[in-house]
């Protein structure tokens, strides 16, 4: 259970850092780099913007979506393959997802599962904005595949079924 809570804390912490909300209260990010409007093309990809992209429904909905849609591949479970996969993608001006790639691989089975879940998120994002205009923003999400967590869920299901 400790590992599961560690994962949740790591995941939520990563999301907070990626959203860059820490800058909103004390510093206006737009003052750091002043780019004239004519130098920002339609193809410019930002890493940090004034308003970061947000999954529809917010962070809680994102966590719920990832946890319900991610399926631990049976072959990986049988061969004790586990680890943390990092997927990078660009949230476009219309909220769609493009340029999806695994930037930290573990195993093809886990990498493909993380990619599958990310592609299911397509169109479910509110785009990021800079100076009030929607812009393209690069994001990174971690996927933690641990068998400990899966075995705990399995034990709970067995107890639930035995009680009925």
N, C-alpha and C. Protein backbone atom coordinates (compact mmCIF):
# COMPACT_ATOMS: atom_id res chain seq x y z
N UNK A 1 0.83 -1.19 0.00
CA UNK A 1 0.00 0.00 0.00
C UNK A 1 0.87 1.26 0.00
N UNK A 2 2.05 1.15 0.69
CA UNK A 2 2.98 2.27 0.74
C UNK A 2 3.44 2.66 -0.66
N UNK A 3 3.73 1.64 -1.50
CA UNK A 3 4.19 1.90 -2.86
C UNK A 3 3.10 2.59 -3.65
N UNK A 4 1.86 2.15 -3.47
CA UNK A 4 0.74 2.76 -4.20
C UNK A 4 0.61 4.23 -3.84
N UNK A 5 0.67 4.56 -2.53
CA UNK A 5 0.59 5.95 -2.12
C UNK A 5 1.79 6.75 -2.61
N UNK A 6 2.95 6.14 -2.66
CA UNK A 6 4.14 6.82 -3.19
C UNK A 6 3.92 7.17 -4.65
N UNK A 7 3.34 6.22 -5.39
CA UNK A 7 3.05 6.47 -6.80
C UNK A 7 2.10 7.64 -6.95
N UNK A 8 1.02 7.64 -6.17
CA UNK A 8 0.03 8.71 -6.26
C UNK A 8 0.68 10.04 -5.94
N UNK A 9 1.49 10.10 -4.87
CA UNK A 9 2.16 11.35 -4.52
C UNK A 9 3.11 11.79 -5.63
N UNK A 10 3.87 10.86 -6.20
CA UNK A 10 4.78 11.19 -7.29
C UNK A 10 4.00 11.70 -8.50
N UNK A 11 2.93 11.00 -8.83
CA UNK A 11 2.13 11.36 -10.00
C UNK A 11 1.51 12.74 -9.83
N UNK A 12 0.89 12.98 -8.69
CA UNK A 12 0.25 14.27 -8.44
C UNK A 12 1.31 15.38 -8.40
N UNK A 13 2.45 15.11 -7.77
CA UNK A 13 3.52 16.10 -7.74
C UNK A 13 4.02 16.44 -9.13
N UNK A 14 4.13 15.42 -9.98
CA UNK A 14 4.57 15.65 -11.36
C UNK A 14 3.58 16.53 -12.10
N UNK A 15 2.31 16.25 -11.90
CA UNK A 15 1.27 17.04 -12.58
C UNK A 15 1.36 18.48 -12.12
N UNK A 16 1.53 18.71 -10.81
CA UNK A 16 1.62 20.08 -10.33
C UNK A 16 2.81 20.80 -10.94
N UNK A 17 3.94 20.13 -11.03
CA UNK A 17 5.11 20.77 -11.64
C UNK A 17 4.88 21.05 -13.10
N UNK A 18 4.25 20.11 -13.80
CA UNK A 18 4.00 20.30 -15.22
C UNK A 18 3.02 21.44 -15.48
N UNK A 19 2.08 21.62 -14.59
CA UNK A 19 1.10 22.69 -14.77
C UNK A 19 1.70 24.05 -14.44
N UNK A 20 2.80 24.07 -13.71
CA UNK A 20 3.52 25.30 -13.38
C UNK A 20 2.67 26.30 -12.61
N UNK A 21 1.76 25.80 -11.79
CA UNK A 21 0.94 26.69 -10.98
C UNK A 21 1.75 27.42 -9.93
N UNK A 22 2.93 26.92 -9.61
CA UNK A 22 3.76 27.56 -8.59
C UNK A 22 4.14 28.98 -9.01
N UNK A 23 4.14 29.25 -10.30
CA UNK A 23 4.54 30.57 -10.77
C UNK A 23 3.41 31.59 -10.75
N UNK A 24 2.17 31.14 -10.73
CA UNK A 24 1.06 32.06 -10.88
C UNK A 24 0.94 33.05 -9.73
N UNK A 25 1.19 32.61 -8.51
CA UNK A 25 0.96 33.47 -7.36
C UNK A 25 2.02 34.56 -7.21
N UNK A 26 3.28 34.19 -7.44
CA UNK A 26 4.33 35.13 -7.10
C UNK A 26 4.96 35.84 -8.30
N UNK A 27 4.96 35.23 -9.46
CA UNK A 27 5.67 35.80 -10.60
C UNK A 27 4.85 35.61 -11.87
N UNK A 28 4.81 36.64 -12.68
CA UNK A 28 4.14 36.53 -13.97
C UNK A 28 5.14 35.95 -14.96
N UNK A 29 4.89 34.70 -15.39
CA UNK A 29 5.80 33.99 -16.29
C UNK A 29 6.01 34.76 -17.59
N UNK A 30 4.99 35.44 -18.06
CA UNK A 30 5.10 36.13 -19.35
C UNK A 30 6.17 37.23 -19.32
N UNK A 31 6.55 37.70 -18.13
CA UNK A 31 7.58 38.74 -18.03
C UNK A 31 8.99 38.15 -18.19
N UNK A 32 9.12 36.84 -18.01
CA UNK A 32 10.43 36.21 -18.12
C UNK A 32 10.97 36.30 -19.54
N UNK A 33 10.12 35.95 -20.48
CA UNK A 33 10.54 35.97 -21.88
C UNK A 33 9.49 36.75 -22.66
N UNK A 34 9.86 37.89 -23.11
CA UNK A 34 8.95 38.70 -23.92
C UNK A 34 9.25 38.44 -25.39
N UNK A 35 8.36 37.73 -26.04
CA UNK A 35 8.51 37.47 -27.46
C UNK A 35 7.51 38.32 -28.23
N UNK A 36 7.99 39.09 -29.19
CA UNK A 36 7.05 39.83 -30.02
C UNK A 36 6.10 38.86 -30.71
N UNK A 37 4.85 39.24 -30.86
CA UNK A 37 3.82 38.37 -31.43
C UNK A 37 4.23 37.82 -32.79
N UNK A 38 4.94 38.61 -33.58
CA UNK A 38 5.30 38.17 -34.93
C UNK A 38 6.37 37.06 -34.93
N UNK A 39 7.10 36.89 -33.81
CA UNK A 39 8.12 35.84 -33.76
C UNK A 39 7.55 34.49 -33.33
N UNK A 40 6.33 34.47 -32.81
CA UNK A 40 5.70 33.22 -32.38
C UNK A 40 4.85 32.70 -33.54
N UNK A 41 5.34 31.63 -34.17
CA UNK A 41 4.62 31.08 -35.31
C UNK A 41 3.62 30.03 -34.84
N UNK A 42 2.80 29.55 -35.76
CA UNK A 42 1.82 28.52 -35.45
C UNK A 42 2.49 27.21 -35.04
N UNK A 43 3.74 27.02 -35.44
CA UNK A 43 4.43 25.78 -35.13
C UNK A 43 5.25 25.85 -33.83
N UNK A 44 5.30 27.01 -33.17
CA UNK A 44 6.06 27.15 -31.94
C UNK A 44 5.46 26.26 -30.85
N UNK A 45 6.33 25.50 -30.18
CA UNK A 45 5.88 24.64 -29.08
C UNK A 45 6.48 25.19 -27.79
N UNK A 46 5.62 25.47 -26.82
CA UNK A 46 6.04 25.99 -25.53
C UNK A 46 6.18 24.85 -24.52
N UNK A 47 7.02 25.06 -23.53
CA UNK A 47 7.15 24.13 -22.41
C UNK A 47 6.37 24.64 -21.20
N UNK A 48 6.43 25.94 -20.97
CA UNK A 48 5.71 26.58 -19.88
C UNK A 48 5.00 27.80 -20.45
N UNK A 49 3.72 27.90 -20.13
CA UNK A 49 2.93 29.05 -20.58
C UNK A 49 2.15 29.59 -19.39
N UNK A 50 1.53 30.74 -19.60
CA UNK A 50 0.77 31.38 -18.52
C UNK A 50 -0.33 30.44 -18.00
N UNK A 51 -1.05 29.83 -18.90
CA UNK A 51 -2.12 28.90 -18.53
C UNK A 51 -1.81 27.56 -19.19
N UNK A 52 -1.39 26.60 -18.38
CA UNK A 52 -1.00 25.29 -18.91
C UNK A 52 -2.25 24.51 -19.36
N UNK A 53 -2.08 23.59 -20.31
CA UNK A 53 -3.20 22.76 -20.75
C UNK A 53 -3.78 21.98 -19.56
N UNK A 54 -5.07 21.71 -19.64
CA UNK A 54 -5.73 20.99 -18.55
C UNK A 54 -6.63 19.92 -19.13
N UNK A 55 -6.55 18.73 -18.56
CA UNK A 55 -7.43 17.64 -18.95
C UNK A 55 -8.85 18.01 -18.56
N UNK A 56 -9.82 17.68 -19.42
CA UNK A 56 -11.20 18.07 -19.11
C UNK A 56 -11.64 17.41 -17.80
N UNK A 57 -12.09 18.24 -16.87
CA UNK A 57 -12.45 17.76 -15.54
C UNK A 57 -11.37 17.99 -14.51
N UNK A 58 -10.18 18.42 -14.93
CA UNK A 58 -9.10 18.74 -14.00
C UNK A 58 -8.20 17.56 -13.68
N UNK A 59 -7.34 17.76 -12.68
CA UNK A 59 -6.34 16.77 -12.31
C UNK A 59 -6.96 15.49 -11.76
N UNK A 60 -8.02 15.63 -10.97
CA UNK A 60 -8.67 14.44 -10.42
C UNK A 60 -9.22 13.57 -11.55
N UNK A 61 -9.80 14.20 -12.56
CA UNK A 61 -10.34 13.45 -13.70
C UNK A 61 -9.21 12.79 -14.49
N UNK A 62 -8.07 13.47 -14.60
CA UNK A 62 -6.91 12.90 -15.30
C UNK A 62 -6.41 11.65 -14.57
N UNK A 63 -6.26 11.74 -13.27
CA UNK A 63 -5.79 10.60 -12.48
C UNK A 63 -6.77 9.44 -12.59
N UNK A 64 -8.06 9.74 -12.49
CA UNK A 64 -9.08 8.69 -12.59
C UNK A 64 -9.05 8.06 -13.98
N UNK A 65 -8.93 8.88 -15.02
CA UNK A 65 -8.89 8.39 -16.39
C UNK A 65 -7.71 7.44 -16.59
N UNK A 66 -6.54 7.86 -16.15
CA UNK A 66 -5.34 7.03 -16.31
C UNK A 66 -5.47 5.73 -15.52
N UNK A 67 -5.96 5.80 -14.29
CA UNK A 67 -6.05 4.59 -13.48
C UNK A 67 -7.11 3.62 -14.00
N UNK A 68 -8.19 4.12 -14.57
CA UNK A 68 -9.22 3.20 -15.09
C UNK A 68 -8.89 2.66 -16.47
N UNK A 69 -8.23 3.44 -17.29
CA UNK A 69 -7.95 3.02 -18.67
C UNK A 69 -6.67 2.20 -18.81
N UNK A 70 -5.73 2.34 -17.89
CA UNK A 70 -4.47 1.62 -18.00
C UNK A 70 -4.66 0.17 -17.58
N UNK A 71 -4.29 -0.73 -18.45
CA UNK A 71 -4.38 -2.17 -18.19
C UNK A 71 -2.97 -2.74 -18.18
N UNK A 72 -2.63 -3.43 -17.12
CA UNK A 72 -1.30 -4.04 -17.02
C UNK A 72 -1.27 -5.21 -18.00
N UNK A 73 -0.38 -5.19 -19.00
CA UNK A 73 -0.33 -6.28 -19.98
C UNK A 73 -0.07 -7.63 -19.29
N UNK A 74 -0.88 -8.64 -19.65
CA UNK A 74 -0.78 -9.96 -19.01
C UNK A 74 0.62 -10.57 -19.17
N UNK A 75 1.18 -10.45 -20.36
CA UNK A 75 2.53 -11.01 -20.59
C UNK A 75 3.56 -10.35 -19.69
N UNK A 76 3.43 -9.04 -19.47
CA UNK A 76 4.35 -8.33 -18.58
C UNK A 76 4.15 -8.79 -17.14
N UNK A 77 2.91 -9.03 -16.78
CA UNK A 77 2.61 -9.52 -15.43
C UNK A 77 3.22 -10.90 -15.21
N UNK A 78 3.06 -11.78 -16.21
CA UNK A 78 3.59 -13.14 -16.11
C UNK A 78 5.11 -13.19 -16.05
N UNK A 79 5.77 -12.25 -16.70
CA UNK A 79 7.24 -12.26 -16.75
C UNK A 79 7.87 -11.25 -15.79
N UNK A 80 7.05 -10.69 -14.88
CA UNK A 80 7.52 -9.78 -13.84
C UNK A 80 8.21 -8.53 -14.41
N UNK A 81 7.64 -7.97 -15.49
CA UNK A 81 8.15 -6.73 -16.07
C UNK A 81 7.39 -5.57 -15.42
N UNK A 82 8.13 -4.60 -14.90
CA UNK A 82 7.50 -3.44 -14.29
C UNK A 82 8.44 -2.24 -14.39
N UNK A 83 7.90 -1.06 -14.15
CA UNK A 83 8.71 0.15 -14.20
C UNK A 83 7.88 1.37 -14.49
N UNK A 84 8.55 2.50 -14.65
CA UNK A 84 7.90 3.79 -14.90
C UNK A 84 8.22 4.25 -16.32
N UNK A 85 7.16 4.45 -17.11
CA UNK A 85 7.28 4.91 -18.49
C UNK A 85 6.91 6.39 -18.53
N UNK A 86 7.70 7.20 -19.23
CA UNK A 86 7.39 8.61 -19.40
C UNK A 86 7.01 8.86 -20.85
N UNK A 87 5.84 9.47 -21.04
CA UNK A 87 5.35 9.76 -22.39
C UNK A 87 5.27 11.27 -22.57
N UNK A 88 5.81 11.74 -23.68
CA UNK A 88 5.80 13.16 -24.02
C UNK A 88 4.83 13.36 -25.17
N UNK A 89 4.09 14.46 -25.15
CA UNK A 89 3.15 14.77 -26.23
C UNK A 89 2.92 16.26 -26.29
N UNK A 90 2.33 16.72 -27.37
CA UNK A 90 2.02 18.13 -27.55
C UNK A 90 0.51 18.30 -27.53
N UNK A 91 0.03 19.20 -26.65
CA UNK A 91 -1.39 19.57 -26.66
C UNK A 91 -1.52 20.73 -27.64
N UNK A 92 -2.29 20.48 -28.69
CA UNK A 92 -2.45 21.47 -29.75
C UNK A 92 -3.42 22.59 -29.34
N UNK A 93 -3.53 23.60 -30.17
CA UNK A 93 -4.39 24.76 -29.91
C UNK A 93 -5.87 24.38 -29.80
N UNK A 94 -6.25 23.26 -30.40
CA UNK A 94 -7.65 22.82 -30.35
C UNK A 94 -7.90 21.76 -29.27
N UNK A 95 -6.88 21.43 -28.47
CA UNK A 95 -7.02 20.45 -27.40
C UNK A 95 -6.71 19.03 -27.83
N UNK A 96 -6.36 18.85 -29.09
CA UNK A 96 -5.98 17.51 -29.56
C UNK A 96 -4.53 17.23 -29.16
N UNK A 97 -4.14 15.96 -29.30
CA UNK A 97 -2.78 15.54 -28.94
C UNK A 97 -2.03 15.11 -30.19
N UNK A 98 -0.78 15.56 -30.30
CA UNK A 98 0.09 15.22 -31.43
C UNK A 98 1.48 14.90 -30.90
N UNK A 99 2.32 14.38 -31.78
CA UNK A 99 3.74 14.14 -31.49
C UNK A 99 3.94 13.33 -30.21
N UNK A 100 3.20 12.24 -30.09
CA UNK A 100 3.28 11.37 -28.91
C UNK A 100 4.50 10.48 -29.04
N UNK A 101 5.33 10.42 -27.99
CA UNK A 101 6.48 9.53 -27.99
C UNK A 101 6.88 9.17 -26.56
N UNK A 102 7.41 7.98 -26.43
CA UNK A 102 7.92 7.53 -25.14
C UNK A 102 9.34 8.08 -25.00
N UNK A 103 9.57 8.84 -23.93
CA UNK A 103 10.91 9.41 -23.75
C UNK A 103 11.72 8.64 -22.71
N UNK A 104 11.05 7.80 -21.92
CA UNK A 104 11.76 6.88 -21.02
C UNK A 104 11.07 5.52 -21.12
N UNK A 105 11.74 4.61 -21.78
CA UNK A 105 11.18 3.30 -22.05
C UNK A 105 11.51 2.31 -20.95
N UNK A 106 10.64 1.31 -20.79
CA UNK A 106 10.88 0.23 -19.85
C UNK A 106 10.90 -1.09 -20.62
N UNK A 107 9.81 -1.38 -21.31
CA UNK A 107 9.66 -2.59 -22.10
C UNK A 107 8.58 -2.29 -23.13
N UNK A 108 8.68 -2.89 -24.30
CA UNK A 108 7.73 -2.60 -25.39
C UNK A 108 6.28 -2.78 -24.95
N UNK A 109 5.99 -3.76 -24.11
CA UNK A 109 4.62 -4.00 -23.65
C UNK A 109 4.10 -2.83 -22.82
N UNK A 110 4.92 -2.37 -21.89
CA UNK A 110 4.51 -1.26 -21.03
C UNK A 110 4.50 0.06 -21.80
N UNK A 111 5.50 0.24 -22.66
CA UNK A 111 5.56 1.46 -23.47
C UNK A 111 4.33 1.58 -24.35
N UNK A 112 3.93 0.49 -24.99
CA UNK A 112 2.77 0.51 -25.88
C UNK A 112 1.47 0.77 -25.11
N UNK A 113 1.37 0.25 -23.91
CA UNK A 113 0.17 0.48 -23.09
C UNK A 113 0.06 1.96 -22.71
N UNK A 114 1.18 2.57 -22.33
CA UNK A 114 1.17 3.99 -21.99
C UNK A 114 0.80 4.82 -23.22
N UNK A 115 1.33 4.48 -24.38
CA UNK A 115 0.98 5.18 -25.62
C UNK A 115 -0.50 5.03 -25.94
N UNK A 116 -1.05 3.83 -25.71
CA UNK A 116 -2.46 3.58 -25.99
C UNK A 116 -3.35 4.48 -25.12
N UNK A 117 -3.01 4.60 -23.85
CA UNK A 117 -3.81 5.42 -22.95
C UNK A 117 -3.72 6.90 -23.34
N UNK A 118 -2.52 7.36 -23.69
CA UNK A 118 -2.36 8.76 -24.11
C UNK A 118 -3.21 9.05 -25.34
N UNK A 119 -3.22 8.14 -26.30
CA UNK A 119 -4.02 8.39 -27.52
C UNK A 119 -5.52 8.42 -27.21
N UNK A 120 -5.95 7.74 -26.15
CA UNK A 120 -7.36 7.81 -25.74
C UNK A 120 -7.73 9.20 -25.20
N UNK A 121 -6.73 9.96 -24.79
CA UNK A 121 -6.96 11.31 -24.26
C UNK A 121 -7.14 12.35 -25.35
N UNK A 122 -6.97 11.96 -26.60
CA UNK A 122 -7.02 12.92 -27.70
C UNK A 122 -8.34 13.68 -27.72
N UNK A 123 -8.25 15.01 -27.74
CA UNK A 123 -9.43 15.87 -27.78
C UNK A 123 -10.04 16.15 -26.42
N UNK A 124 -9.43 15.63 -25.36
CA UNK A 124 -9.99 15.81 -24.02
C UNK A 124 -9.20 16.83 -23.21
N UNK A 125 -8.48 17.69 -23.88
CA UNK A 125 -7.66 18.69 -23.20
C UNK A 125 -8.15 20.10 -23.52
N UNK A 126 -8.08 20.97 -22.53
CA UNK A 126 -8.27 22.40 -22.75
C UNK A 126 -6.88 22.93 -23.10
N UNK A 127 -6.72 23.60 -24.23
CA UNK A 127 -5.36 24.02 -24.64
C UNK A 127 -4.75 25.05 -23.69
N UNK A 128 -3.43 25.09 -23.71
CA UNK A 128 -2.71 26.10 -22.95
C UNK A 128 -2.81 27.45 -23.64
N UNK A 129 -2.64 28.51 -22.88
CA UNK A 129 -2.71 29.85 -23.47
C UNK A 129 -1.51 30.69 -23.05
N UNK A 130 -1.11 31.57 -23.94
CA UNK A 130 -0.05 32.55 -23.71
C UNK A 130 -0.60 33.88 -24.18
N UNK A 131 -0.63 34.86 -23.28
CA UNK A 131 -1.17 36.18 -23.59
C UNK A 131 -2.60 36.08 -24.11
N UNK A 132 -3.35 35.15 -23.53
CA UNK A 132 -4.76 35.01 -23.88
C UNK A 132 -5.05 34.22 -25.14
N UNK A 133 -4.01 33.78 -25.85
CA UNK A 133 -4.20 33.04 -27.10
C UNK A 133 -3.82 31.57 -26.92
N UNK A 134 -4.58 30.65 -27.52
CA UNK A 134 -4.21 29.23 -27.42
C UNK A 134 -2.89 28.96 -28.15
N UNK A 135 -2.04 28.14 -27.52
CA UNK A 135 -0.73 27.81 -28.09
C UNK A 135 -0.48 26.32 -27.93
N UNK A 136 0.51 25.81 -28.67
CA UNK A 136 0.93 24.41 -28.57
C UNK A 136 1.85 24.27 -27.35
N UNK A 137 1.60 23.23 -26.53
CA UNK A 137 2.39 23.04 -25.31
C UNK A 137 2.81 21.58 -25.20
N UNK A 138 4.10 21.39 -24.92
CA UNK A 138 4.66 20.05 -24.72
C UNK A 138 4.43 19.62 -23.28
N UNK A 139 3.94 18.40 -23.09
CA UNK A 139 3.65 17.85 -21.77
C UNK A 139 4.36 16.51 -21.62
N UNK A 140 4.59 16.09 -20.37
CA UNK A 140 5.15 14.77 -20.07
C UNK A 140 4.32 14.16 -18.94
N UNK A 141 3.90 12.91 -19.14
CA UNK A 141 3.16 12.19 -18.10
C UNK A 141 3.87 10.89 -17.75
N UNK A 142 4.00 10.59 -16.47
CA UNK A 142 4.59 9.31 -16.06
C UNK A 142 3.51 8.24 -15.92
N UNK A 143 3.84 7.01 -16.26
CA UNK A 143 2.97 5.86 -16.06
C UNK A 143 3.75 4.86 -15.22
N UNK A 144 3.24 4.55 -14.05
CA UNK A 144 3.93 3.66 -13.14
C UNK A 144 3.28 2.28 -13.20
N UNK A 145 4.01 1.30 -13.68
CA UNK A 145 3.52 -0.08 -13.77
C UNK A 145 4.22 -0.89 -12.69
N UNK A 146 3.50 -1.15 -11.58
CA UNK A 146 4.07 -1.97 -10.52
C UNK A 146 3.14 -3.13 -10.23
N UNK A 147 3.73 -4.30 -10.05
CA UNK A 147 2.93 -5.48 -9.80
C UNK A 147 2.41 -5.52 -8.38
N UNK A 148 3.08 -4.88 -7.46
CA UNK A 148 2.62 -4.83 -6.08
C UNK A 148 1.21 -4.23 -6.03
N UNK A 149 1.04 -3.11 -6.70
CA UNK A 149 -0.24 -2.42 -6.73
C UNK A 149 -1.31 -3.31 -7.36
N UNK A 150 -0.97 -3.99 -8.43
CA UNK A 150 -1.91 -4.85 -9.13
C UNK A 150 -2.31 -6.03 -8.25
N UNK A 151 -1.36 -6.62 -7.54
CA UNK A 151 -1.65 -7.75 -6.66
C UNK A 151 -2.56 -7.33 -5.51
N UNK A 152 -2.38 -6.11 -4.99
CA UNK A 152 -3.24 -5.61 -3.92
C UNK A 152 -4.68 -5.46 -4.41
N UNK A 153 -4.86 -4.94 -5.63
CA UNK A 153 -6.20 -4.81 -6.21
C UNK A 153 -6.83 -6.18 -6.38
N UNK A 154 -6.04 -7.14 -6.82
CA UNK A 154 -6.52 -8.50 -7.04
C UNK A 154 -7.00 -9.12 -5.73
N UNK A 155 -6.24 -8.93 -4.64
CA UNK A 155 -6.62 -9.46 -3.34
C UNK A 155 -7.94 -8.85 -2.87
N UNK A 156 -8.11 -7.55 -3.08
CA UNK A 156 -9.35 -6.88 -2.67
C UNK A 156 -10.54 -7.44 -3.44
N UNK A 157 -10.37 -7.67 -4.75
CA UNK A 157 -11.45 -8.24 -5.55
C UNK A 157 -11.84 -9.62 -5.06
N UNK A 158 -10.83 -10.45 -4.73
CA UNK A 158 -11.10 -11.81 -4.25
C UNK A 158 -11.88 -11.76 -2.94
N UNK A 159 -11.47 -10.87 -2.02
CA UNK A 159 -12.18 -10.75 -0.74
C UNK A 159 -13.61 -10.28 -0.96
N UNK A 160 -13.80 -9.37 -1.91
CA UNK A 160 -15.12 -8.84 -2.20
C UNK A 160 -16.03 -9.96 -2.73
N UNK A 161 -15.51 -10.77 -3.63
CA UNK A 161 -16.29 -11.86 -4.21
C UNK A 161 -16.58 -12.96 -3.20
N UNK A 162 -15.66 -13.19 -2.28
CA UNK A 162 -15.87 -14.22 -1.25
C UNK A 162 -16.95 -13.80 -0.26
N UNK A 163 -17.08 -12.49 -0.06
CA UNK A 163 -18.06 -11.97 0.89
C UNK A 163 -19.47 -11.98 0.36
N UNK A 164 -19.65 -12.14 -0.97
CA UNK A 164 -21.01 -12.11 -1.55
C UNK A 164 -21.56 -13.48 -1.78
